[in-house]
Amino acid sequence: MQPLAAALDILQSEPKCLLGYLLPTLVILKTKLINIQKDLKYVKPLTNALLTGIDKRFGQFFDRNEFIVAAVTLPMFRLRCVDGDQTKTQYKELTLWGK
C-alpha cells in the first residue's frame, strides 16, 4: 500500500500542498492501484474498496472547473496526468492556453 501512503504524504504536507495537487495525486494513486491490483492475491478486495472510495468521495471534483484549472496550471503537473486528446483540449480551453 505504498502508493496510498505516498499520496497521503503529499496531500497532508501543509507547507507545499495546494488545491492543484488534489486531482493529479488522485489520478496517479488510482493508476498505481489499478496497476498493482493485477499482481495481488490477498488484498485485492482492499484495492477495490480504495478505488471505489476514491471515486465515491472525490469523483465530483474531476468535473469541477476550479479543481481542473488549479491542477493544469501548476508547473509540476500541467497536462501530464490527463489522458486523451479530447480531454486535454477541453482542459486547455478552460485556461488561457486555449485562447
PDB file of N, CA and C in Angstrom:
ATOM      1  N   MET A   1       0.820  -1.196   0.000  1.00  0.00           N
ATOM      2  CA  MET A   1       0.000   0.000   0.000  1.00  0.00           C
ATOM      3  C   MET A   1       0.866   1.264   0.000  1.00  0.00           C
ATOM      4  N   GLN A   2       2.042   1.135  -0.551  1.00  0.00           N
ATOM      5  CA  GLN A   2       2.965   2.260  -0.653  1.00  0.00           C
ATOM      6  C   GLN A   2       2.367   3.418  -1.470  1.00  0.00           C
ATOM      7  N   PRO A   3       1.645   3.175  -2.573  1.00  0.00           N
ATOM      8  CA  PRO A   3       1.066   4.305  -3.308  1.00  0.00           C
ATOM      9  C   PRO A   3       0.093   5.129  -2.468  1.00  0.00           C
ATOM     10  N   LEU A   4      -0.675   4.476  -1.629  1.00  0.00           N
ATOM     11  CA  LEU A   4      -1.610   5.189  -0.760  1.00  0.00           C
ATOM     12  C   LEU A   4      -0.863   6.033   0.259  1.00  0.00           C
ATOM     13  N   ALA A   5       0.173   5.468   0.848  1.00  0.00           N
ATOM     14  CA  ALA A   5       0.970   6.215   1.829  1.00  0.00           C
ATOM     15  C   ALA A   5       1.636   7.426   1.188  1.00  0.00           C
ATOM     16  N   ALA A   6       2.153   7.261  -0.021  1.00  0.00           N
ATOM     17  CA  ALA A   6       2.792   8.381  -0.716  1.00  0.00           C
ATOM     18  C   ALA A   6       1.783   9.481  -1.031  1.00  0.00           C
ATOM     19  N   ALA A   7       0.587   9.096  -1.476  1.00  0.00           N
ATOM     20  CA  ALA A   7      -0.450  10.088  -1.782  1.00  0.00           C
ATOM     21  C   ALA A   7      -0.877  10.843  -0.529  1.00  0.00           C
ATOM     22  N   LEU A   8      -1.018  10.138   0.568  1.00  0.00           N
ATOM     23  CA  LEU A   8      -1.386  10.793   1.828  1.00  0.00           C
ATOM     24  C   LEU A   8      -0.299  11.757   2.291  1.00  0.00           C
ATOM     25  N   ASP A   9       0.956  11.369   2.126  1.00  0.00           N
ATOM     26  CA  ASP A   9       2.059  12.261   2.498  1.00  0.00           C
ATOM     27  C   ASP A   9       2.015  13.551   1.697  1.00  0.00           C
ATOM     28  N   ILE A  10       1.733  13.435   0.403  1.00  0.00           N
ATOM     29  CA  ILE A  10       1.669  14.630  -0.445  1.00  0.00           C
ATOM     30  C   ILE A  10       0.515  15.535  -0.028  1.00  0.00           C
ATOM     31  N   LEU A  11      -0.655  14.940   0.169  1.00  0.00           N
ATOM     32  CA  LEU A  11      -1.840  15.740   0.470  1.00  0.00           C
ATOM     33  C   LEU A  11      -1.861  16.288   1.893  1.00  0.00           C
ATOM     34  N   GLN A  12      -1.105  15.684   2.797  1.00  0.00           N
ATOM     35  CA  GLN A  12      -1.088  16.154   4.181  1.00  0.00           C
ATOM     36  C   GLN A  12       0.057  17.106   4.490  1.00  0.00           C
ATOM     37  N   SER A  13       0.933  17.333   3.530  1.00  0.00           N
ATOM     38  CA  SER A  13       2.052  18.235   3.795  1.00  0.00           C
ATOM     39  C   SER A  13       1.570  19.675   3.658  1.00  0.00           C
ATOM     40  N   GLU A  14       1.386  20.314   4.772  1.00  0.00           N
ATOM     41  CA  GLU A  14       0.796  21.650   4.801  1.00  0.00           C
ATOM     42  C   GLU A  14       1.602  22.721   4.073  1.00  0.00           C
ATOM     43  N   PRO A  15       2.922  22.803   4.219  1.00  0.00           N
ATOM     44  CA  PRO A  15       3.645  23.923   3.608  1.00  0.00           C
ATOM     45  C   PRO A  15       3.570  23.973   2.088  1.00  0.00           C
ATOM     46  N   LYS A  16       3.456  22.817   1.429  1.00  0.00           N
ATOM     47  CA  LYS A  16       3.504  22.840  -0.031  1.00  0.00           C
ATOM     48  C   LYS A  16       2.244  22.334  -0.718  1.00  0.00           C
ATOM     49  N   CYS A  17       1.244  21.979   0.006  1.00  0.00           N
ATOM     50  CA  CYS A  17       0.052  21.399  -0.610  1.00  0.00           C
ATOM     51  C   CYS A  17      -0.906  22.502  -1.071  1.00  0.00           C
ATOM     52  N   LEU A  18      -1.219  22.470  -2.345  1.00  0.00           N
ATOM     53  CA  LEU A  18      -2.143  23.428  -2.940  1.00  0.00           C
ATOM     54  C   LEU A  18      -3.334  22.663  -3.525  1.00  0.00           C
ATOM     55  N   LEU A  19      -4.370  23.372  -3.867  1.00  0.00           N
ATOM     56  CA  LEU A  19      -5.560  22.755  -4.446  1.00  0.00           C
ATOM     57  C   LEU A  19      -5.226  21.966  -5.712  1.00  0.00           C
ATOM     58  N   GLY A  20      -4.269  22.457  -6.460  1.00  0.00           N
ATOM     59  CA  GLY A  20      -3.877  21.806  -7.709  1.00  0.00           C
ATOM     60  C   GLY A  20      -3.222  20.451  -7.530  1.00  0.00           C
ATOM     61  N   TYR A  21      -2.837  20.109  -6.328  1.00  0.00           N
ATOM     62  CA  TYR A  21      -2.223  18.811  -6.070  1.00  0.00           C
ATOM     63  C   TYR A  21      -3.261  17.693  -5.963  1.00  0.00           C
ATOM     64  N   LEU A  22      -4.502  18.028  -5.666  1.00  0.00           N
ATOM     65  CA  LEU A  22      -5.509  17.006  -5.378  1.00  0.00           C
ATOM     66  C   LEU A  22      -5.785  16.081  -6.558  1.00  0.00           C
ATOM     67  N   LEU A  23      -6.225  16.616  -7.681  1.00  0.00           N
ATOM     68  CA  LEU A  23      -6.599  15.759  -8.805  1.00  0.00           C
ATOM     69  C   LEU A  23      -5.433  14.951  -9.366  1.00  0.00           C
ATOM     70  N   PRO A  24      -4.267  15.571  -9.616  1.00  0.00           N
ATOM     71  CA  PRO A  24      -3.164  14.749 -10.128  1.00  0.00           C
ATOM     72  C   PRO A  24      -2.738  13.646  -9.155  1.00  0.00           C
ATOM     73  N   THR A  25      -2.758  13.943  -7.858  1.00  0.00           N
ATOM     74  CA  THR A  25      -2.392  12.934  -6.872  1.00  0.00           C
ATOM     75  C   THR A  25      -3.383  11.787  -6.884  1.00  0.00           C
ATOM     76  N   LEU A  26      -4.657  12.100  -7.009  1.00  0.00           N
ATOM     77  CA  LEU A  26      -5.678  11.052  -7.059  1.00  0.00           C
ATOM     78  C   LEU A  26      -5.587  10.227  -8.345  1.00  0.00           C
ATOM     79  N   VAL A  27      -5.304  10.898  -9.453  1.00  0.00           N
ATOM     80  CA  VAL A  27      -5.159  10.174 -10.729  1.00  0.00           C
ATOM     81  C   VAL A  27      -3.973   9.218 -10.657  1.00  0.00           C
ATOM     82  N   ILE A  28      -2.857   9.692 -10.135  1.00  0.00           N
ATOM     83  CA  ILE A  28      -1.667   8.847 -10.008  1.00  0.00           C
ATOM     84  C   ILE A  28      -1.932   7.693  -9.050  1.00  0.00           C
ATOM     85  N   LEU A  29      -2.602   7.977  -7.937  1.00  0.00           N
ATOM     86  CA  LEU A  29      -2.920   6.925  -6.970  1.00  0.00           C
ATOM     87  C   LEU A  29      -3.815   5.858  -7.597  1.00  0.00           C
ATOM     88  N   LYS A  30      -4.864   6.289  -8.297  1.00  0.00           N
ATOM     89  CA  LYS A  30      -5.764   5.327  -8.932  1.00  0.00           C
ATOM     90  C   LYS A  30      -5.028   4.482  -9.973  1.00  0.00           C
ATOM     91  N   THR A  31      -4.174   5.117 -10.757  1.00  0.00           N
ATOM     92  CA  THR A  31      -3.406   4.389 -11.768  1.00  0.00           C
ATOM     93  C   THR A  31      -2.502   3.345 -11.132  1.00  0.00           C
ATOM     94  N   LYS A  32      -1.815   3.736 -10.064  1.00  0.00           N
ATOM     95  CA  LYS A  32      -0.920   2.797  -9.389  1.00  0.00           C
ATOM     96  C   LYS A  32      -1.695   1.655  -8.745  1.00  0.00           C
ATOM     97  N   LEU A  33      -2.834   1.950  -8.142  1.00  0.00           N
ATOM     98  CA  LEU A  33      -3.640   0.892  -7.535  1.00  0.00           C
ATOM     99  C   LEU A  33      -4.154  -0.091  -8.585  1.00  0.00           C
ATOM    100  N   ILE A  34      -4.565   0.421  -9.726  1.00  0.00           N
ATOM    101  CA  ILE A  34      -5.034  -0.454 -10.802  1.00  0.00           C
ATOM    102  C   ILE A  34      -3.891  -1.328 -11.318  1.00  0.00           C
ATOM    103  N   ASN A  35      -2.711  -0.733 -11.451  1.00  0.00           N
ATOM    104  CA  ASN A  35      -1.564  -1.497 -11.954  1.00  0.00           C
ATOM    105  C   ASN A  35      -1.100  -2.580 -10.986  1.00  0.00           C
ATOM    106  N   ILE A  36      -1.084  -2.282  -9.677  1.00  0.00           N
ATOM    107  CA  ILE A  36      -0.620  -3.302  -8.738  1.00  0.00           C
ATOM    108  C   ILE A  36      -1.700  -4.327  -8.435  1.00  0.00           C
ATOM    109  N   GLN A  37      -2.928  -4.002  -8.749  1.00  0.00           N
ATOM    110  CA  GLN A  37      -4.039  -4.905  -8.480  1.00  0.00           C
ATOM    111  C   GLN A  37      -3.898  -6.219  -9.256  1.00  0.00           C
ATOM    112  N   LYS A  38      -3.258  -6.156 -10.400  1.00  0.00           N
ATOM    113  CA  LYS A  38      -3.079  -7.344 -11.233  1.00  0.00           C
ATOM    114  C   LYS A  38      -2.219  -8.405 -10.533  1.00  0.00           C
ATOM    115  N   ASP A  39      -1.261  -7.961  -9.712  1.00  0.00           N
ATOM    116  CA  ASP A  39      -0.328  -8.871  -9.063  1.00  0.00           C
ATOM    117  C   ASP A  39      -0.762  -9.291  -7.663  1.00  0.00           C
ATOM    118  N   LEU A  40      -1.832  -8.720  -7.165  1.00  0.00           N
ATOM    119  CA  LEU A  40      -2.241  -9.000  -5.798  1.00  0.00           C
ATOM    120  C   LEU A  40      -3.178 -10.210  -5.735  1.00  0.00           C
ATOM    121  N   LYS A  41      -3.097 -10.890  -4.621  1.00  0.00           N
ATOM    122  CA  LYS A  41      -3.976 -12.035  -4.443  1.00  0.00           C
ATOM    123  C   LYS A  41      -4.860 -11.846  -3.211  1.00  0.00           C
ATOM    124  N   TYR A  42      -4.255 -11.520  -2.095  1.00  0.00           N
ATOM    125  CA  TYR A  42      -4.996 -11.480  -0.832  1.00  0.00           C
ATOM    126  C   TYR A  42      -5.599 -10.117  -0.508  1.00  0.00           C
ATOM    127  N   VAL A  43      -5.003  -9.055  -1.003  1.00  0.00           N
ATOM    128  CA  VAL A  43      -5.519  -7.720  -0.670  1.00  0.00           C
ATOM    129  C   VAL A  43      -6.238  -7.058  -1.847  1.00  0.00           C
ATOM    130  N   LYS A  44      -6.619  -7.843  -2.823  1.00  0.00           N
ATOM    131  CA  LYS A  44      -7.365  -7.304  -3.962  1.00  0.00           C
ATOM    132  C   LYS A  44      -8.664  -6.631  -3.519  1.00  0.00           C
ATOM    133  N   PRO A  45      -9.407  -7.201  -2.552  1.00  0.00           N
ATOM    134  CA  PRO A  45     -10.617  -6.506  -2.084  1.00  0.00           C
ATOM    135  C   PRO A  45     -10.315  -5.136  -1.465  1.00  0.00           C
ATOM    136  N   LEU A  46      -9.149  -5.015  -0.840  1.00  0.00           N
ATOM    137  CA  LEU A  46      -8.760  -3.721  -0.265  1.00  0.00           C
ATOM    138  C   LEU A  46      -8.534  -2.691  -1.360  1.00  0.00           C
ATOM    139  N   THR A  47      -7.831  -3.070  -2.414  1.00  0.00           N
ATOM    140  CA  THR A  47      -7.608  -2.122  -3.503  1.00  0.00           C
ATOM    141  C   THR A  47      -8.923  -1.764  -4.203  1.00  0.00           C
ATOM    142  N   ASN A  48      -9.812  -2.747  -4.343  1.00  0.00           N
ATOM    143  CA  ASN A  48     -11.132  -2.458  -4.917  1.00  0.00           C
ATOM    144  C   ASN A  48     -11.896  -1.454  -4.053  1.00  0.00           C
ATOM    145  N   ALA A  49     -11.837  -1.638  -2.753  1.00  0.00           N
ATOM    146  CA  ALA A  49     -12.520  -0.730  -1.833  1.00  0.00           C
ATOM    147  C   ALA A  49     -11.911   0.673  -1.891  1.00  0.00           C
ATOM    148  N   LEU A  50     -10.589   0.751  -1.996  1.00  0.00           N
ATOM    149  CA  LEU A  50      -9.927   2.052  -2.098  1.00  0.00           C
ATOM    150  C   LEU A  50     -10.321   2.770  -3.387  1.00  0.00           C
ATOM    151  N   LEU A  51     -10.326   2.057  -4.492  1.00  0.00           N
ATOM    152  CA  LEU A  51     -10.709   2.666  -5.763  1.00  0.00           C
ATOM    153  C   LEU A  51     -12.164   3.129  -5.745  1.00  0.00           C
ATOM    154  N   THR A  52     -13.037   2.315  -5.187  1.00  0.00           N
ATOM    155  CA  THR A  52     -14.448   2.691  -5.074  1.00  0.00           C
ATOM    156  C   THR A  52     -14.609   3.901  -4.158  1.00  0.00           C
ATOM    157  N   GLY A  53     -13.890   3.905  -3.047  1.00  0.00           N
ATOM    158  CA  GLY A  53     -13.956   5.017  -2.104  1.00  0.00           C
ATOM    159  C   GLY A  53     -13.448   6.320  -2.696  1.00  0.00           C
ATOM    160  N   ILE A  54     -12.369   6.237  -3.464  1.00  0.00           N
ATOM    161  CA  ILE A  54     -11.831   7.440  -4.117  1.00  0.00           C
ATOM    162  C   ILE A  54     -12.857   7.992  -5.093  1.00  0.00           C
ATOM    163  N   ASP A  55     -13.452   7.121  -5.893  1.00  0.00           N
ATOM    164  CA  ASP A  55     -14.462   7.584  -6.859  1.00  0.00           C
ATOM    165  C   ASP A  55     -15.687   8.160  -6.159  1.00  0.00           C
ATOM    166  N   LYS A  56     -16.107   7.522  -5.084  1.00  0.00           N
ATOM    167  CA  LYS A  56     -17.295   7.990  -4.360  1.00  0.00           C
ATOM    168  C   LYS A  56     -17.043   9.330  -3.688  1.00  0.00           C
ATOM    169  N   ARG A  57     -15.886   9.475  -3.051  1.00  0.00           N
ATOM    170  CA  ARG A  57     -15.598  10.684  -2.282  1.00  0.00           C
ATOM    171  C   ARG A  57     -15.114  11.842  -3.148  1.00  0.00           C
ATOM    172  N   PHE A  58     -14.276  11.553  -4.133  1.00  0.00           N
ATOM    173  CA  PHE A  58     -13.632  12.616  -4.898  1.00  0.00           C
ATOM    174  C   PHE A  58     -14.075  12.689  -6.356  1.00  0.00           C
ATOM    175  N   GLY A  59     -14.937  11.800  -6.796  1.00  0.00           N
ATOM    176  CA  GLY A  59     -15.352  11.764  -8.191  1.00  0.00           C
ATOM    177  C   GLY A  59     -15.941  13.068  -8.687  1.00  0.00           C
ATOM    178  N   GLN A  60     -16.667  13.761  -7.835  1.00  0.00           N
ATOM    179  CA  GLN A  60     -17.299  15.024  -8.233  1.00  0.00           C
ATOM    180  C   GLN A  60     -16.288  16.110  -8.545  1.00  0.00           C
ATOM    181  N   PHE A  61     -15.097  16.037  -7.957  1.00  0.00           N
ATOM    182  CA  PHE A  61     -14.096  17.077  -8.162  1.00  0.00           C
ATOM    183  C   PHE A  61     -13.473  17.026  -9.551  1.00  0.00           C
ATOM    184  N   PHE A  62     -13.552  15.884 -10.216  1.00  0.00           N
ATOM    185  CA  PHE A  62     -12.974  15.757 -11.548  1.00  0.00           C
ATOM    186  C   PHE A  62     -13.785  16.510 -12.597  1.00  0.00           C
ATOM    187  N   ASP A  63     -14.992  16.934 -12.252  1.00  0.00           N
ATOM    188  CA  ASP A  63     -15.832  17.691 -13.171  1.00  0.00           C
ATOM    189  C   ASP A  63     -15.909  19.173 -12.843  1.00  0.00           C
ATOM    190  N   ARG A  64     -15.285  19.585 -11.750  1.00  0.00           N
ATOM    191  CA  ARG A  64     -15.370  20.995 -11.331  1.00  0.00           C
ATOM    192  C   ARG A  64     -14.210  21.786 -11.924  1.00  0.00           C
ATOM    193  N   ASN A  65     -14.547  22.861 -12.604  1.00  0.00           N
ATOM    194  CA  ASN A  65     -13.556  23.649 -13.332  1.00  0.00           C
ATOM    195  C   ASN A  65     -12.457  24.215 -12.447  1.00  0.00           C
ATOM    196  N   GLU A  66     -12.793  24.643 -11.244  1.00  0.00           N
ATOM    197  CA  GLU A  66     -11.755  25.244 -10.395  1.00  0.00           C
ATOM    198  C   GLU A  66     -10.683  24.228  -9.989  1.00  0.00           C
ATOM    199  N   PHE A  67     -11.068  22.982  -9.826  1.00  0.00           N
ATOM    200  CA  PHE A  67     -10.092  21.938  -9.495  1.00  0.00           C
ATOM    201  C   PHE A  67      -9.229  21.600 -10.715  1.00  0.00           C
ATOM    202  N   ILE A  68      -9.870  21.551 -11.872  1.00  0.00           N
ATOM    203  CA  ILE A  68      -9.147  21.246 -13.106  1.00  0.00           C
ATOM    204  C   ILE A  68      -8.149  22.354 -13.422  1.00  0.00           C
ATOM    205  N   VAL A  69      -8.588  23.601 -13.349  1.00  0.00           N
ATOM    206  CA  VAL A  69      -7.706  24.727 -13.640  1.00  0.00           C
ATOM    207  C   VAL A  69      -6.561  24.778 -12.635  1.00  0.00           C
ATOM    208  N   ALA A  70      -6.860  24.531 -11.375  1.00  0.00           N
ATOM    209  CA  ALA A  70      -5.801  24.522 -10.354  1.00  0.00           C
ATOM    210  C   ALA A  70      -4.758  23.457 -10.649  1.00  0.00           C
ATOM    211  N   ALA A  71      -5.184  22.319 -11.147  1.00  0.00           N
ATOM    212  CA  ALA A  71      -4.254  21.225 -11.431  1.00  0.00           C
ATOM    213  C   ALA A  71      -3.421  21.490 -12.679  1.00  0.00           C
ATOM    214  N   VAL A  72      -4.050  21.944 -13.749  1.00  0.00           N
ATOM    215  CA  VAL A  72      -3.312  22.101 -15.007  1.00  0.00           C
ATOM    216  C   VAL A  72      -2.457  23.361 -15.049  1.00  0.00           C
ATOM    217  N   THR A  73      -2.655  24.277 -14.127  1.00  0.00           N
ATOM    218  CA  THR A  73      -1.815  25.473 -14.108  1.00  0.00           C
ATOM    219  C   THR A  73      -0.606  25.341 -13.187  1.00  0.00           C
ATOM    220  N   LEU A  74      -0.525  24.261 -12.438  1.00  0.00           N
ATOM    221  CA  LEU A  74       0.684  24.022 -11.641  1.00  0.00           C
ATOM    222  C   LEU A  74       1.788  23.528 -12.563  1.00  0.00           C
ATOM    223  N   PRO A  75       2.940  24.181 -12.552  1.00  0.00           N
ATOM    224  CA  PRO A  75       4.029  23.761 -13.444  1.00  0.00           C
ATOM    225  C   PRO A  75       4.455  22.307 -13.245  1.00  0.00           C
ATOM    226  N   MET A  76       4.281  21.805 -12.040  1.00  0.00           N
ATOM    227  CA  MET A  76       4.695  20.434 -11.750  1.00  0.00           C
ATOM    228  C   MET A  76       3.866  19.407 -12.521  1.00  0.00           C
ATOM    229  N   PHE A  77       2.608  19.714 -12.794  1.00  0.00           N
ATOM    230  CA  PHE A  77       1.721  18.737 -13.407  1.00  0.00           C
ATOM    231  C   PHE A  77       1.334  19.098 -14.837  1.00  0.00           C
ATOM    232  N   ARG A  78       0.885  20.320 -15.062  1.00  0.00           N
ATOM    233  CA  ARG A  78       0.338  20.745 -16.353  1.00  0.00           C
ATOM    234  C   ARG A  78      -0.665  19.714 -16.853  1.00  0.00           C
ATOM    235  N   LEU A  79      -0.458  19.170 -18.006  1.00  0.00           N
ATOM    236  CA  LEU A  79      -1.394  18.193 -18.566  1.00  0.00           C
ATOM    237  C   LEU A  79      -0.828  16.776 -18.542  1.00  0.00           C
ATOM    238  N   ARG A  80       0.188  16.539 -17.743  1.00  0.00           N
ATOM    239  CA  ARG A  80       0.842  15.229 -17.705  1.00  0.00           C
ATOM    240  C   ARG A  80      -0.062  14.119 -17.180  1.00  0.00           C
ATOM    241  N   CYS A  81      -0.989  14.443 -16.311  1.00  0.00           N
ATOM    242  CA  CYS A  81      -1.848  13.426 -15.705  1.00  0.00           C
ATOM    243  C   CYS A  81      -3.175  13.267 -16.427  1.00  0.00           C
ATOM    244  N   VAL A  82      -3.310  13.942 -17.554  1.00  0.00           N
ATOM    245  CA  VAL A  82      -4.568  13.908 -18.297  1.00  0.00           C
ATOM    246  C   VAL A  82      -4.437  12.927 -19.449  1.00  0.00           C
ATOM    247  N   ASP A  83      -5.385  12.015 -19.547  1.00  0.00           N
ATOM    248  CA  ASP A  83      -5.401  11.047 -20.641  1.00  0.00           C
ATOM    249  C   ASP A  83      -6.353  11.504 -21.728  1.00  0.00           C
ATOM    250  N   GLY A  84      -5.992  11.275 -22.955  1.00  0.00           N
ATOM    251  CA  GLY A  84      -6.881  11.553 -24.079  1.00  0.00           C
ATOM    252  C   GLY A  84      -6.725  12.955 -24.633  1.00  0.00           C
ATOM    253  N   ASP A  85      -6.656  13.047 -25.953  1.00  0.00           N
ATOM    254  CA  ASP A  85      -6.501  14.336 -26.614  1.00  0.00           C
ATOM    255  C   ASP A  85      -7.720  15.226 -26.442  1.00  0.00           C
ATOM    256  N   GLN A  86      -8.904  14.620 -26.463  1.00  0.00           N
ATOM    257  CA  GLN A  86     -10.128  15.409 -26.311  1.00  0.00           C
ATOM    258  C   GLN A  86     -10.182  16.053 -24.937  1.00  0.00           C
ATOM    259  N   THR A  87      -9.799  15.311 -23.910  1.00  0.00           N
ATOM    260  CA  THR A  87      -9.808  15.849 -22.552  1.00  0.00           C
ATOM    261  C   THR A  87      -8.759  16.943 -22.408  1.00  0.00           C
ATOM    262  N   LYS A  88      -7.578  16.741 -23.001  1.00  0.00           N
ATOM    263  CA  LYS A  88      -6.542  17.775 -22.948  1.00  0.00           C
ATOM    264  C   LYS A  88      -7.013  19.055 -23.618  1.00  0.00           C
ATOM    265  N   THR A  89      -7.669  18.928 -24.750  1.00  0.00           N
ATOM    266  CA  THR A  89      -8.188  20.098 -25.450  1.00  0.00           C
ATOM    267  C   THR A  89      -9.238  20.807 -24.605  1.00  0.00           C
ATOM    268  N   GLN A  90     -10.095  20.035 -23.977  1.00  0.00           N
ATOM    269  CA  GLN A  90     -11.135  20.611 -23.115  1.00  0.00           C
ATOM    270  C   GLN A  90     -10.503  21.367 -21.954  1.00  0.00           C
ATOM    271  N   TYR A  91      -9.466  20.804 -21.342  1.00  0.00           N
ATOM    272  CA  TYR A  91      -8.811  21.452 -20.213  1.00  0.00           C
ATOM    273  C   TYR A  91      -8.033  22.689 -20.653  1.00  0.00           C
ATOM    274  N   LYS A  92      -7.451  22.648 -21.844  1.00  0.00           N
ATOM    275  CA  LYS A  92      -6.735  23.811 -22.357  1.00  0.00           C
ATOM    276  C   LYS A  92      -7.694  24.977 -22.557  1.00  0.00           C
ATOM    277  N   GLU A  93      -8.909  24.670 -22.983  1.00  0.00           N
ATOM    278  CA  GLU A  93      -9.892  25.727 -23.220  1.00  0.00           C
ATOM    279  C   GLU A  93     -10.345  26.400 -21.930  1.00  0.00           C
ATOM    280  N   LEU A  94     -10.177  25.718 -20.810  1.00  0.00           N
ATOM    281  CA  LEU A  94     -10.526  26.325 -19.522  1.00  0.00           C
ATOM    282  C   LEU A  94      -9.498  27.364 -19.087  1.00  0.00           C
ATOM    283  N   THR A  95      -8.323  27.296 -19.663  1.00  0.00           N
ATOM    284  CA  THR A  95      -7.241  28.209 -19.284  1.00  0.00           C
ATOM    285  C   THR A  95      -6.971  29.178 -20.425  1.00  0.00           C
ATOM    286  N   LEU A  96      -6.001  30.009 -20.248  1.00  0.00           N
ATOM    287  CA  LEU A  96      -5.627  30.965 -21.292  1.00  0.00           C
ATOM    288  C   LEU A  96      -4.923  30.303 -22.470  1.00  0.00           C
ATOM    289  N   TRP A  97      -4.424  29.070 -22.275  1.00  0.00           N
ATOM    290  CA  TRP A  97      -3.700  28.389 -23.359  1.00  0.00           C
ATOM    291  C   TRP A  97      -4.584  28.176 -24.569  1.00  0.00           C
ATOM    292  N   GLY A  98      -5.845  27.942 -24.308  1.00  0.00           N
ATOM    293  CA  GLY A  98      -6.755  27.630 -25.401  1.00  0.00           C
ATOM    294  C   GLY A  98      -7.262  28.854 -26.133  1.00  0.00           C
ATOM    295  N   LYS A  99      -6.965  30.038 -25.638  1.00  0.00           N
ATOM    296  CA  LYS A  99      -7.478  31.271 -26.247  1.00  0.00           C
ATOM    297  C   LYS A  99      -6.503  31.822 -27.262  1.00  0.00           C
TER     298      LYS A  99
END
